Amino acid sequence: MPLHGRVLRLPGVYGPQADSSFLASAMRRDLVAPGVDLLDLCTGSGVLALHAARLGARVTAVDISRRAVASARLNAALARLPVSVHRGDLLSALPGRSFDVLVSNPPYVPAPSLSLPRRGARRAWDAGLDGRILIDRICDAAPVALRPGGLMLMVHSGFSCPEETVRRLGRLGLDAAISDRMTLPFGPVMRGRLSWLRERGLVPADMSREELVVIRARKE
């Protein structure tokens, strides 16, 4: 099932890209099904939350950005889909709650800063020197957010060390693996940062394509 139609977004909210469609395909294959309670962390415009709702899930979405929350709520209302959208820092918005499925397309682009930006469009993609600030926090939250037998699906770049994501989830007691891979030409964010990435040795001089991965993790 492809992602449906356009989504509206306020200025500074990241628009759906190939990584959203890639994760949406994994969600459909992994049987995001009617009646499951699903959490979408870092929802942005809400496109994955809407996709899950169309598959029949009961959907809760979270983002720290006020503009993203407003955009996701607007898109859910326009689509007439019952998505509950909350503003907060990951699970802090939902104390004590757990879910059958957790999905996330978090910020994952390596950036020349030790911390996350607090405002502006870069908030949607910058994720620290190794691109892992949000990835690591979501991994650490997964055992709490998931019910027994629950499933996590997260997409991120091959430049953000997918093997470390698998190892980290394994240390936390989840059965994790890279379930999907795809390559595509560098997008505008990567092209705009290419000189810095090459100076740090993260991107070879002859490389012009990026690998995306979906991490699949199951809580026993």
N, C-alpha and C. Protein backbone atom coordinates (compact mmCIF):
# COMPACT_ATOMS: atom_id res chain seq x y z
N MET A 1 0.86 -1.20 0.00
CA MET A 1 0.00 0.00 0.00
C MET A 1 0.89 1.24 0.00
N PRO A 2 0.82 2.07 -1.04
CA PRO A 2 1.63 3.28 -1.05
C PRO A 2 1.09 4.28 -0.04
N LEU A 3 1.93 5.27 0.28
CA LEU A 3 1.43 6.38 1.08
C LEU A 3 0.43 7.18 0.26
N HIS A 4 -0.65 7.59 0.89
CA HIS A 4 -1.75 8.21 0.18
C HIS A 4 -1.57 9.72 0.08
N GLY A 5 -1.59 10.25 -1.14
CA GLY A 5 -1.79 11.66 -1.38
C GLY A 5 -0.80 12.60 -0.71
N ARG A 6 -1.17 13.89 -0.76
CA ARG A 6 -0.35 14.94 -0.17
C ARG A 6 -0.62 15.06 1.33
N VAL A 7 0.38 15.52 2.03
CA VAL A 7 0.15 15.95 3.41
C VAL A 7 0.52 17.43 3.50
N LEU A 8 -0.19 18.13 4.35
CA LEU A 8 0.10 19.53 4.57
C LEU A 8 1.10 19.65 5.71
N ARG A 9 1.92 20.67 5.67
CA ARG A 9 2.90 20.86 6.74
C ARG A 9 3.22 22.33 6.90
N LEU A 10 3.38 22.73 8.13
CA LEU A 10 3.78 24.09 8.42
C LEU A 10 5.25 24.29 8.06
N PRO A 11 5.69 25.53 7.85
CA PRO A 11 7.11 25.77 7.54
C PRO A 11 8.02 25.15 8.60
N GLY A 12 9.08 24.49 8.13
CA GLY A 12 10.04 23.87 9.04
C GLY A 12 9.74 22.42 9.36
N VAL A 13 8.57 21.91 8.95
CA VAL A 13 8.23 20.51 9.18
C VAL A 13 8.68 19.71 7.96
N TYR A 14 9.40 18.66 8.21
CA TYR A 14 10.00 17.87 7.12
C TYR A 14 8.93 17.14 6.32
N GLY A 15 9.02 17.23 5.02
CA GLY A 15 8.08 16.54 4.14
C GLY A 15 8.44 15.09 3.96
N PRO A 16 7.45 14.22 3.72
CA PRO A 16 7.73 12.80 3.50
C PRO A 16 8.70 12.58 2.34
N GLN A 17 9.67 11.70 2.58
CA GLN A 17 10.68 11.37 1.58
C GLN A 17 10.70 9.85 1.38
N ALA A 18 11.74 9.39 0.68
CA ALA A 18 11.83 7.96 0.37
C ALA A 18 11.90 7.10 1.63
N ASP A 19 12.50 7.63 2.71
CA ASP A 19 12.60 6.82 3.93
C ASP A 19 11.22 6.55 4.53
N SER A 20 10.29 7.50 4.39
CA SER A 20 8.93 7.28 4.88
C SER A 20 8.24 6.16 4.10
N SER A 21 8.34 6.19 2.78
CA SER A 21 7.73 5.14 1.97
C SER A 21 8.37 3.78 2.23
N PHE A 22 9.68 3.79 2.44
CA PHE A 22 10.41 2.55 2.73
C PHE A 22 9.91 1.92 4.02
N LEU A 23 9.76 2.73 5.07
CA LEU A 23 9.26 2.22 6.33
C LEU A 23 7.79 1.83 6.22
N ALA A 24 7.01 2.56 5.46
CA ALA A 24 5.60 2.22 5.28
C ALA A 24 5.44 0.83 4.66
N SER A 25 6.31 0.48 3.71
CA SER A 25 6.25 -0.86 3.11
C SER A 25 6.55 -1.93 4.15
N ALA A 26 7.53 -1.68 5.01
CA ALA A 26 7.85 -2.65 6.06
C ALA A 26 6.69 -2.77 7.05
N MET A 27 6.03 -1.68 7.34
CA MET A 27 4.88 -1.72 8.25
C MET A 27 3.78 -2.61 7.68
N ARG A 28 3.51 -2.48 6.41
CA ARG A 28 2.45 -3.30 5.81
C ARG A 28 2.84 -4.77 5.79
N ARG A 29 4.09 -5.06 5.45
CA ARG A 29 4.55 -6.45 5.40
C ARG A 29 4.53 -7.08 6.78
N ASP A 30 4.90 -6.30 7.80
CA ASP A 30 4.96 -6.85 9.15
C ASP A 30 3.61 -6.81 9.86
N LEU A 31 2.58 -6.67 9.06
CA LEU A 31 1.21 -6.89 9.55
C LEU A 31 0.82 -5.92 10.66
N VAL A 32 1.07 -4.63 10.38
CA VAL A 32 0.40 -3.62 11.18
C VAL A 32 -1.07 -3.76 10.82
N ALA A 33 -1.86 -4.25 11.74
CA ALA A 33 -3.17 -4.79 11.42
C ALA A 33 -4.26 -4.13 12.25
N PRO A 34 -5.51 -4.34 11.86
CA PRO A 34 -6.62 -3.76 12.62
C PRO A 34 -6.56 -4.14 14.10
N GLY A 35 -6.72 -3.11 14.93
CA GLY A 35 -6.82 -3.33 16.37
C GLY A 35 -5.53 -3.23 17.14
N VAL A 36 -4.37 -3.21 16.47
CA VAL A 36 -3.13 -3.11 17.24
C VAL A 36 -2.94 -1.67 17.71
N ASP A 37 -2.36 -1.52 18.89
CA ASP A 37 -2.00 -0.20 19.41
C ASP A 37 -0.61 0.15 18.92
N LEU A 38 -0.52 1.23 18.16
CA LEU A 38 0.74 1.60 17.50
C LEU A 38 1.17 3.00 17.93
N LEU A 39 2.46 3.13 18.21
CA LEU A 39 3.07 4.41 18.56
C LEU A 39 4.02 4.83 17.46
N ASP A 40 3.84 6.06 16.96
CA ASP A 40 4.74 6.65 15.97
C ASP A 40 5.54 7.76 16.64
N LEU A 41 6.82 7.50 16.90
CA LEU A 41 7.69 8.49 17.52
C LEU A 41 8.38 9.34 16.46
N CYS A 42 8.49 10.63 16.71
CA CYS A 42 9.04 11.59 15.75
C CYS A 42 8.17 11.62 14.50
N THR A 43 6.88 11.88 14.70
CA THR A 43 5.90 11.71 13.62
C THR A 43 6.02 12.74 12.51
N GLY A 44 6.58 13.94 12.79
CA GLY A 44 6.69 14.94 11.74
C GLY A 44 5.32 15.34 11.21
N SER A 45 5.14 15.23 9.91
CA SER A 45 3.85 15.59 9.29
C SER A 45 2.74 14.60 9.61
N GLY A 46 3.11 13.45 10.20
CA GLY A 46 2.12 12.44 10.54
C GLY A 46 1.87 11.41 9.45
N VAL A 47 2.68 11.41 8.41
CA VAL A 47 2.37 10.55 7.26
C VAL A 47 2.38 9.07 7.64
N LEU A 48 3.30 8.62 8.49
CA LEU A 48 3.32 7.21 8.88
C LEU A 48 2.19 6.88 9.84
N ALA A 49 1.83 7.82 10.69
CA ALA A 49 0.68 7.61 11.57
C ALA A 49 -0.59 7.43 10.75
N LEU A 50 -0.77 8.24 9.72
CA LEU A 50 -1.94 8.11 8.85
C LEU A 50 -1.92 6.77 8.13
N HIS A 51 -0.76 6.36 7.67
CA HIS A 51 -0.63 5.06 6.99
C HIS A 51 -1.05 3.93 7.93
N ALA A 52 -0.58 3.98 9.18
CA ALA A 52 -0.94 2.94 10.14
C ALA A 52 -2.44 2.96 10.42
N ALA A 53 -3.02 4.15 10.53
CA ALA A 53 -4.46 4.24 10.78
C ALA A 53 -5.25 3.65 9.61
N ARG A 54 -4.78 3.86 8.40
CA ARG A 54 -5.46 3.28 7.23
C ARG A 54 -5.36 1.75 7.24
N LEU A 55 -4.29 1.23 7.84
CA LEU A 55 -4.16 -0.22 7.98
C LEU A 55 -5.02 -0.77 9.11
N GLY A 56 -5.64 0.11 9.88
CA GLY A 56 -6.56 -0.31 10.93
C GLY A 56 -6.03 -0.22 12.34
N ALA A 57 -4.79 0.24 12.51
CA ALA A 57 -4.22 0.34 13.85
C ALA A 57 -4.86 1.49 14.63
N ARG A 58 -4.82 1.36 15.96
CA ARG A 58 -5.15 2.48 16.85
C ARG A 58 -3.86 3.24 17.08
N VAL A 59 -3.80 4.47 16.61
CA VAL A 59 -2.52 5.16 16.46
C VAL A 59 -2.38 6.33 17.42
N THR A 60 -1.22 6.35 18.08
CA THR A 60 -0.78 7.49 18.89
C THR A 60 0.53 7.99 18.27
N ALA A 61 0.64 9.31 18.09
CA ALA A 61 1.83 9.89 17.48
C ALA A 61 2.40 10.96 18.39
N VAL A 62 3.74 11.08 18.36
CA VAL A 62 4.44 12.04 19.24
C VAL A 62 5.50 12.78 18.45
N ASP A 63 5.62 14.07 18.72
CA ASP A 63 6.74 14.85 18.20
C ASP A 63 7.03 15.97 19.18
N ILE A 64 8.27 16.41 19.23
CA ILE A 64 8.65 17.48 20.14
C ILE A 64 8.38 18.86 19.55
N SER A 65 8.21 18.92 18.24
CA SER A 65 8.00 20.19 17.54
C SER A 65 6.53 20.59 17.55
N ARG A 66 6.24 21.80 17.99
CA ARG A 66 4.87 22.29 17.98
C ARG A 66 4.31 22.32 16.56
N ARG A 67 5.14 22.73 15.62
CA ARG A 67 4.65 22.81 14.23
C ARG A 67 4.38 21.41 13.67
N ALA A 68 5.22 20.44 14.02
CA ALA A 68 4.96 19.08 13.56
C ALA A 68 3.66 18.55 14.15
N VAL A 69 3.44 18.77 15.44
CA VAL A 69 2.21 18.31 16.08
C VAL A 69 0.99 18.94 15.41
N ALA A 70 1.06 20.26 15.16
CA ALA A 70 -0.06 20.94 14.50
C ALA A 70 -0.28 20.37 13.10
N SER A 71 0.81 20.10 12.37
CA SER A 71 0.68 19.54 11.02
C SER A 71 0.06 18.16 11.05
N ALA A 72 0.54 17.31 11.97
CA ALA A 72 0.01 15.95 12.06
C ALA A 72 -1.47 15.95 12.45
N ARG A 73 -1.84 16.81 13.38
CA ARG A 73 -3.25 16.90 13.77
C ARG A 73 -4.11 17.37 12.60
N LEU A 74 -3.62 18.35 11.86
CA LEU A 74 -4.36 18.84 10.70
C LEU A 74 -4.52 17.75 9.65
N ASN A 75 -3.46 17.02 9.36
CA ASN A 75 -3.54 15.96 8.35
C ASN A 75 -4.47 14.84 8.78
N ALA A 76 -4.46 14.49 10.07
CA ALA A 76 -5.39 13.47 10.55
C ALA A 76 -6.83 13.94 10.42
N ALA A 77 -7.08 15.22 10.74
CA ALA A 77 -8.44 15.74 10.63
C ALA A 77 -8.90 15.77 9.17
N LEU A 78 -8.02 16.21 8.28
CA LEU A 78 -8.39 16.27 6.87
C LEU A 78 -8.65 14.88 6.29
N ALA A 79 -7.89 13.88 6.77
CA ALA A 79 -8.08 12.50 6.29
C ALA A 79 -9.20 11.78 7.04
N ARG A 80 -9.73 12.42 8.08
CA ARG A 80 -10.79 11.83 8.91
C ARG A 80 -10.34 10.49 9.50
N LEU A 81 -9.13 10.53 10.04
CA LEU A 81 -8.55 9.34 10.66
C LEU A 81 -8.33 9.62 12.15
N PRO A 82 -8.62 8.64 13.01
CA PRO A 82 -8.54 8.86 14.46
C PRO A 82 -7.13 8.68 15.01
N VAL A 83 -6.27 9.63 14.72
CA VAL A 83 -4.89 9.60 15.21
C VAL A 83 -4.78 10.57 16.38
N SER A 84 -4.26 10.09 17.51
CA SER A 84 -4.06 10.93 18.70
C SER A 84 -2.63 11.44 18.68
N VAL A 85 -2.46 12.75 18.56
CA VAL A 85 -1.13 13.36 18.40
C VAL A 85 -0.77 14.15 19.66
N HIS A 86 0.42 13.88 20.20
CA HIS A 86 0.87 14.50 21.45
C HIS A 86 2.19 15.21 21.22
N ARG A 87 2.39 16.31 21.93
CA ARG A 87 3.69 16.98 21.90
C ARG A 87 4.50 16.55 23.12
N GLY A 88 5.74 16.16 22.88
CA GLY A 88 6.60 15.80 23.99
C GLY A 88 7.90 15.20 23.51
N ASP A 89 8.78 14.94 24.45
CA ASP A 89 10.10 14.37 24.18
C ASP A 89 10.01 12.86 24.30
N LEU A 90 9.76 12.20 23.19
CA LEU A 90 9.61 10.75 23.12
C LEU A 90 8.57 10.28 24.14
N LEU A 91 8.91 9.33 25.00
CA LEU A 91 7.91 8.72 25.88
C LEU A 91 7.46 9.63 27.01
N SER A 92 8.13 10.76 27.21
CA SER A 92 7.71 11.66 28.28
C SER A 92 6.29 12.16 28.06
N ALA A 93 5.83 12.12 26.82
CA ALA A 93 4.47 12.56 26.52
C ALA A 93 3.42 11.54 26.90
N LEU A 94 3.85 10.30 27.19
CA LEU A 94 2.90 9.20 27.40
C LEU A 94 3.32 8.35 28.60
N PRO A 95 3.41 8.92 29.78
CA PRO A 95 3.91 8.15 30.93
C PRO A 95 3.04 6.94 31.23
N GLY A 96 3.72 5.80 31.39
CA GLY A 96 3.04 4.58 31.79
C GLY A 96 2.35 3.81 30.68
N ARG A 97 2.38 4.31 29.46
CA ARG A 97 1.68 3.62 28.38
C ARG A 97 2.62 2.66 27.64
N SER A 98 2.03 1.62 27.05
CA SER A 98 2.79 0.67 26.24
C SER A 98 1.97 0.32 25.02
N PHE A 99 2.66 -0.28 24.02
CA PHE A 99 2.06 -0.46 22.70
C PHE A 99 2.45 -1.81 22.11
N ASP A 100 1.65 -2.25 21.13
CA ASP A 100 1.97 -3.47 20.40
C ASP A 100 3.05 -3.24 19.36
N VAL A 101 3.06 -2.06 18.77
CA VAL A 101 4.01 -1.72 17.69
C VAL A 101 4.54 -0.31 17.93
N LEU A 102 5.84 -0.15 17.73
CA LEU A 102 6.48 1.16 17.74
C LEU A 102 7.14 1.36 16.39
N VAL A 103 6.84 2.47 15.73
CA VAL A 103 7.52 2.81 14.48
C VAL A 103 8.17 4.17 14.63
N SER A 104 9.27 4.39 13.93
CA SER A 104 9.93 5.69 14.01
C SER A 104 10.81 5.93 12.79
N ASN A 105 10.71 7.15 12.28
CA ASN A 105 11.64 7.68 11.29
C ASN A 105 12.26 8.92 11.93
N PRO A 106 13.26 8.71 12.79
CA PRO A 106 13.80 9.82 13.59
C PRO A 106 14.82 10.64 12.82
N PRO A 107 15.18 11.82 13.31
CA PRO A 107 16.35 12.51 12.77
C PRO A 107 17.58 11.60 12.89
N TYR A 108 18.36 11.48 11.80
CA TYR A 108 19.50 10.56 11.83
C TYR A 108 20.70 11.04 11.03
N VAL A 109 20.70 12.27 10.57
CA VAL A 109 21.82 12.75 9.75
C VAL A 109 22.94 13.24 10.66
N PRO A 110 24.19 12.74 10.48
CA PRO A 110 25.31 13.29 11.25
C PRO A 110 25.44 14.79 11.03
N ALA A 111 25.77 15.49 12.11
CA ALA A 111 25.80 16.96 12.06
C ALA A 111 26.98 17.48 12.87
N PRO A 112 27.50 18.66 12.51
CA PRO A 112 28.66 19.21 13.23
C PRO A 112 28.27 19.86 14.54
N SER A 113 27.59 19.11 15.38
CA SER A 113 27.17 19.62 16.69
C SER A 113 27.01 18.44 17.63
N LEU A 114 27.34 18.64 18.90
CA LEU A 114 27.20 17.58 19.90
C LEU A 114 25.77 17.45 20.41
N SER A 115 24.94 18.45 20.13
CA SER A 115 23.58 18.45 20.66
C SER A 115 22.57 18.65 19.54
N LEU A 116 21.31 18.39 19.85
CA LEU A 116 20.24 18.56 18.87
C LEU A 116 19.87 20.03 18.75
N PRO A 117 19.51 20.48 17.54
CA PRO A 117 19.03 21.86 17.41
C PRO A 117 17.70 22.03 18.14
N ARG A 118 17.46 23.19 18.67
CA ARG A 118 16.24 23.46 19.45
C ARG A 118 15.16 24.15 18.62
N ARG A 119 15.51 24.57 17.41
CA ARG A 119 14.52 25.23 16.55
C ARG A 119 15.01 25.16 15.11
N GLY A 120 14.11 25.49 14.18
CA GLY A 120 14.48 25.55 12.78
C GLY A 120 14.31 24.21 12.07
N ALA A 121 14.44 24.26 10.75
CA ALA A 121 14.20 23.07 9.93
C ALA A 121 15.18 21.94 10.24
N ARG A 122 16.42 22.27 10.66
CA ARG A 122 17.41 21.23 10.92
C ARG A 122 16.99 20.29 12.05
N ARG A 123 16.03 20.74 12.85
CA ARG A 123 15.54 19.89 13.93
C ARG A 123 14.97 18.57 13.39
N ALA A 124 14.54 18.58 12.13
CA ALA A 124 13.93 17.39 11.54
C ALA A 124 14.94 16.37 11.06
N TRP A 125 16.24 16.74 10.98
CA TRP A 125 17.20 15.74 10.48
C TRP A 125 18.52 15.69 11.25
N ASP A 126 18.98 16.78 11.87
CA ASP A 126 20.27 16.75 12.57
C ASP A 126 20.19 15.85 13.81
N ALA A 127 21.23 15.03 14.02
CA ALA A 127 21.20 14.06 15.12
C ALA A 127 22.58 13.85 15.75
N GLY A 128 23.38 14.92 15.87
CA GLY A 128 24.67 14.80 16.52
C GLY A 128 25.76 14.31 15.60
N LEU A 129 26.98 14.24 16.14
CA LEU A 129 28.15 13.94 15.32
C LEU A 129 28.05 12.60 14.60
N ASP A 130 27.44 11.60 15.24
CA ASP A 130 27.34 10.28 14.60
C ASP A 130 25.93 9.97 14.11
N GLY A 131 25.02 10.94 14.21
CA GLY A 131 23.65 10.72 13.75
C GLY A 131 22.82 9.84 14.65
N ARG A 132 23.26 9.61 15.90
CA ARG A 132 22.62 8.59 16.72
C ARG A 132 21.94 9.10 18.00
N ILE A 133 21.89 10.41 18.21
CA ILE A 133 21.32 10.88 19.48
C ILE A 133 19.91 10.35 19.68
N LEU A 134 19.05 10.52 18.68
CA LEU A 134 17.67 10.05 18.81
C LEU A 134 17.56 8.55 18.63
N ILE A 135 18.36 7.98 17.74
CA ILE A 135 18.33 6.52 17.53
C ILE A 135 18.60 5.80 18.84
N ASP A 136 19.65 6.22 19.55
CA ASP A 136 20.00 5.54 20.80
C ASP A 136 18.90 5.71 21.85
N ARG A 137 18.33 6.88 21.92
CA ARG A 137 17.27 7.11 22.91
C ARG A 137 16.03 6.28 22.59
N ILE A 138 15.70 6.14 21.33
CA ILE A 138 14.54 5.32 20.96
C ILE A 138 14.82 3.85 21.25
N CYS A 139 16.02 3.40 20.96
CA CYS A 139 16.39 2.02 21.33
C CYS A 139 16.21 1.80 22.82
N ASP A 140 16.70 2.73 23.63
CA ASP A 140 16.62 2.59 25.08
C ASP A 140 15.17 2.63 25.58
N ALA A 141 14.30 3.34 24.85
CA ALA A 141 12.89 3.45 25.24
C ALA A 141 12.07 2.23 24.82
N ALA A 142 12.54 1.50 23.81
CA ALA A 142 11.73 0.43 23.23
C ALA A 142 11.28 -0.63 24.23
N PRO A 143 12.16 -1.13 25.13
CA PRO A 143 11.69 -2.16 26.07
C PRO A 143 10.56 -1.70 26.97
N VAL A 144 10.53 -0.39 27.28
CA VAL A 144 9.47 0.15 28.11
C VAL A 144 8.21 0.39 27.28
N ALA A 145 8.39 0.87 26.06
CA ALA A 145 7.24 1.24 25.21
C ALA A 145 6.50 0.02 24.68
N LEU A 146 7.19 -1.12 24.53
CA LEU A 146 6.58 -2.29 23.90
C LEU A 146 6.01 -3.25 24.93
N ARG A 147 4.87 -3.81 24.60
CA ARG A 147 4.29 -4.90 25.38
C ARG A 147 5.02 -6.21 25.04
N PRO A 148 4.88 -7.24 25.87
CA PRO A 148 5.47 -8.53 25.51
C PRO A 148 5.00 -8.98 24.12
N GLY A 149 5.96 -9.40 23.30
CA GLY A 149 5.66 -9.77 21.92
C GLY A 149 5.59 -8.61 20.97
N GLY A 150 5.80 -7.38 21.49
CA GLY A 150 5.68 -6.18 20.67
C GLY A 150 6.81 -6.04 19.66
N LEU A 151 6.54 -5.24 18.63
CA LEU A 151 7.44 -5.08 17.49
C LEU A 151 7.85 -3.62 17.32
N MET A 152 9.14 -3.40 17.06
CA MET A 152 9.63 -2.07 16.70
C MET A 152 10.16 -2.09 15.28
N LEU A 153 9.81 -1.08 14.49
CA LEU A 153 10.36 -0.87 13.15
C LEU A 153 10.89 0.56 13.09
N MET A 154 12.17 0.71 12.78
CA MET A 154 12.78 2.04 12.70
C MET A 154 13.64 2.12 11.45
N VAL A 155 13.55 3.23 10.75
CA VAL A 155 14.36 3.45 9.57
C VAL A 155 15.45 4.47 9.90
N HIS A 156 16.65 4.22 9.38
CA HIS A 156 17.69 5.25 9.44
C HIS A 156 18.77 4.97 8.40
N SER A 157 19.74 5.86 8.34
CA SER A 157 20.77 5.81 7.32
C SER A 157 21.86 4.80 7.66
N GLY A 158 22.47 4.25 6.63
CA GLY A 158 23.64 3.41 6.82
C GLY A 158 24.82 4.18 7.38
N PHE A 159 24.80 5.51 7.28
CA PHE A 159 25.87 6.33 7.86
C PHE A 159 25.71 6.48 9.37
N SER A 160 24.61 5.97 9.93
CA SER A 160 24.36 6.08 11.37
C SER A 160 24.57 4.75 12.09
N CYS A 161 25.38 3.87 11.50
CA CYS A 161 25.82 2.62 12.10
C CYS A 161 24.66 1.69 12.49
N PRO A 162 23.99 1.09 11.51
CA PRO A 162 22.91 0.16 11.81
C PRO A 162 23.33 -1.01 12.69
N GLU A 163 24.57 -1.46 12.53
CA GLU A 163 25.03 -2.59 13.34
C GLU A 163 25.02 -2.24 14.83
N GLU A 164 25.33 -0.98 15.16
CA GLU A 164 25.27 -0.55 16.55
C GLU A 164 23.82 -0.54 17.05
N THR A 165 22.88 -0.18 16.18
CA THR A 165 21.47 -0.22 16.58
C THR A 165 21.06 -1.65 16.93
N VAL A 166 21.46 -2.60 16.10
CA VAL A 166 21.13 -4.00 16.36
C VAL A 166 21.78 -4.47 17.66
N ARG A 167 23.05 -4.12 17.86
CA ARG A 167 23.74 -4.53 19.09
C ARG A 167 23.08 -3.91 20.33
N ARG A 168 22.75 -2.65 20.23
CA ARG A 168 22.17 -1.96 21.39
C ARG A 168 20.82 -2.58 21.76
N LEU A 169 19.99 -2.83 20.77
CA LEU A 169 18.69 -3.46 21.04
C LEU A 169 18.88 -4.86 21.61
N GLY A 170 19.87 -5.59 21.11
CA GLY A 170 20.15 -6.92 21.65
C GLY A 170 20.55 -6.88 23.10
N ARG A 171 21.40 -5.90 23.47
CA ARG A 171 21.80 -5.77 24.87
C ARG A 171 20.61 -5.44 25.78
N LEU A 172 19.59 -4.82 25.19
CA LEU A 172 18.39 -4.47 25.95
C LEU A 172 17.36 -5.59 25.97
N GLY A 173 17.71 -6.73 25.37
CA GLY A 173 16.85 -7.90 25.44
C GLY A 173 15.89 -8.08 24.29
N LEU A 174 16.03 -7.29 23.22
CA LEU A 174 15.17 -7.44 22.06
C LEU A 174 15.86 -8.28 21.00
N ASP A 175 15.08 -9.01 20.24
CA ASP A 175 15.59 -9.79 19.11
C ASP A 175 15.58 -8.87 17.89
N ALA A 176 16.75 -8.38 17.49
CA ALA A 176 16.83 -7.31 16.49
C ALA A 176 17.68 -7.73 15.30
N ALA A 177 17.33 -7.18 14.13
CA ALA A 177 18.08 -7.42 12.91
C ALA A 177 17.77 -6.32 11.91
N ILE A 178 18.64 -6.19 10.91
CA ILE A 178 18.35 -5.33 9.77
C ILE A 178 17.45 -6.13 8.83
N SER A 179 16.22 -5.69 8.63
CA SER A 179 15.27 -6.46 7.84
C SER A 179 15.19 -6.02 6.39
N ASP A 180 15.56 -4.77 6.10
CA ASP A 180 15.42 -4.23 4.75
C ASP A 180 16.56 -3.26 4.48
N ARG A 181 17.00 -3.22 3.23
CA ARG A 181 18.02 -2.27 2.80
C ARG A 181 17.63 -1.71 1.44
N MET A 182 17.95 -0.45 1.23
CA MET A 182 17.79 0.14 -0.11
C MET A 182 18.83 1.23 -0.27
N THR A 183 19.22 1.51 -1.50
CA THR A 183 20.15 2.61 -1.77
C THR A 183 19.48 3.62 -2.69
N LEU A 184 19.86 4.87 -2.53
CA LEU A 184 19.29 5.93 -3.34
C LEU A 184 20.29 7.07 -3.41
N PRO A 185 20.18 7.92 -4.43
CA PRO A 185 21.10 9.06 -4.53
C PRO A 185 20.97 9.97 -3.32
N PHE A 186 22.05 10.66 -2.98
CA PHE A 186 22.00 11.62 -1.89
C PHE A 186 20.89 12.64 -2.12
N GLY A 187 20.15 12.92 -1.08
CA GLY A 187 19.14 13.95 -1.14
C GLY A 187 19.73 15.31 -0.82
N PRO A 188 18.88 16.35 -0.78
CA PRO A 188 19.40 17.71 -0.57
C PRO A 188 20.10 17.91 0.75
N VAL A 189 19.66 17.25 1.82
CA VAL A 189 20.32 17.42 3.12
C VAL A 189 21.73 16.87 3.07
N MET A 190 21.87 15.66 2.55
CA MET A 190 23.20 15.06 2.46
C MET A 190 24.10 15.84 1.51
N ARG A 191 23.56 16.27 0.39
CA ARG A 191 24.39 17.03 -0.56
C ARG A 191 24.87 18.33 0.07
N GLY A 192 24.03 18.96 0.86
CA GLY A 192 24.41 20.21 1.49
C GLY A 192 25.47 20.04 2.56
N ARG A 193 25.65 18.82 3.07
CA ARG A 193 26.59 18.56 4.16
C ARG A 193 27.77 17.70 3.70
N LEU A 194 27.86 17.47 2.41
CA LEU A 194 28.81 16.47 1.90
C LEU A 194 30.26 16.82 2.21
N SER A 195 30.63 18.08 2.09
CA SER A 195 32.03 18.45 2.36
C SER A 195 32.41 18.10 3.79
N TRP A 196 31.56 18.43 4.74
CA TRP A 196 31.84 18.12 6.15
C TRP A 196 31.88 16.62 6.38
N LEU A 197 30.95 15.89 5.80
CA LEU A 197 30.92 14.44 5.96
C LEU A 197 32.19 13.79 5.41
N ARG A 198 32.68 14.31 4.30
CA ARG A 198 33.90 13.76 3.71
C ARG A 198 35.13 14.16 4.52
N GLU A 199 35.12 15.36 5.06
CA GLU A 199 36.24 15.78 5.92
C GLU A 199 36.35 14.88 7.15
N ARG A 200 35.23 14.44 7.69
CA ARG A 200 35.23 13.56 8.86
C ARG A 200 35.46 12.09 8.49
N GLY A 201 35.52 11.78 7.20
CA GLY A 201 35.74 10.41 6.78
C GLY A 201 34.48 9.55 6.82
N LEU A 202 33.32 10.17 6.92
CA LEU A 202 32.07 9.41 6.98
C LEU A 202 31.58 8.99 5.60
N VAL A 203 31.97 9.76 4.58
CA VAL A 203 31.53 9.47 3.21
C VAL A 203 32.75 9.46 2.30
N PRO A 204 33.05 8.34 1.66
CA PRO A 204 34.18 8.31 0.72
C PRO A 204 33.98 9.30 -0.42
N ALA A 205 35.10 9.76 -0.98
CA ALA A 205 35.06 10.79 -2.02
C ALA A 205 34.30 10.35 -3.26
N ASP A 206 34.30 9.03 -3.54
CA ASP A 206 33.65 8.55 -4.77
C ASP A 206 32.22 8.08 -4.53
N MET A 207 31.68 8.29 -3.36
CA MET A 207 30.34 7.80 -3.03
C MET A 207 29.29 8.87 -3.31
N SER A 208 28.22 8.50 -3.98
CA SER A 208 27.15 9.45 -4.28
C SER A 208 25.77 8.90 -3.93
N ARG A 209 25.75 7.75 -3.25
CA ARG A 209 24.47 7.13 -2.88
C ARG A 209 24.48 6.78 -1.40
N GLU A 210 23.31 6.76 -0.83
CA GLU A 210 23.13 6.47 0.59
C GLU A 210 22.33 5.19 0.75
N GLU A 211 22.72 4.37 1.72
CA GLU A 211 21.92 3.21 2.07
C GLU A 211 20.97 3.56 3.20
N LEU A 212 19.72 3.15 3.06
CA LEU A 212 18.75 3.21 4.15
C LEU A 212 18.47 1.80 4.64
N VAL A 213 18.21 1.68 5.93
CA VAL A 213 17.90 0.37 6.50
C VAL A 213 16.65 0.48 7.36
N VAL A 214 15.93 -0.63 7.46
CA VAL A 214 14.87 -0.76 8.45
C VAL A 214 15.36 -1.76 9.50
N ILE A 215 15.33 -1.33 10.74
CA ILE A 215 15.66 -2.20 11.87
C ILE A 215 14.35 -2.79 12.42
N ARG A 216 14.33 -4.09 12.55
CA ARG A 216 13.15 -4.79 13.08
C ARG A 216 13.55 -5.44 14.38
N ALA A 217 12.80 -5.16 15.45
CA ALA A 217 13.13 -5.70 16.77
C ALA A 217 11.87 -6.19 17.46
N ARG A 218 11.96 -7.35 18.08
CA ARG A 218 10.82 -7.97 18.76
C ARG A 218 11.14 -8.12 20.24
N LYS A 219 10.19 -7.72 21.08
CA LYS A 219 10.32 -7.94 22.52
C LYS A 219 9.70 -9.28 22.87
N GLU A 220 10.48 -10.13 23.51
CA GLU A 220 9.98 -11.47 23.85
C GLU A 220 8.94 -11.40 24.95
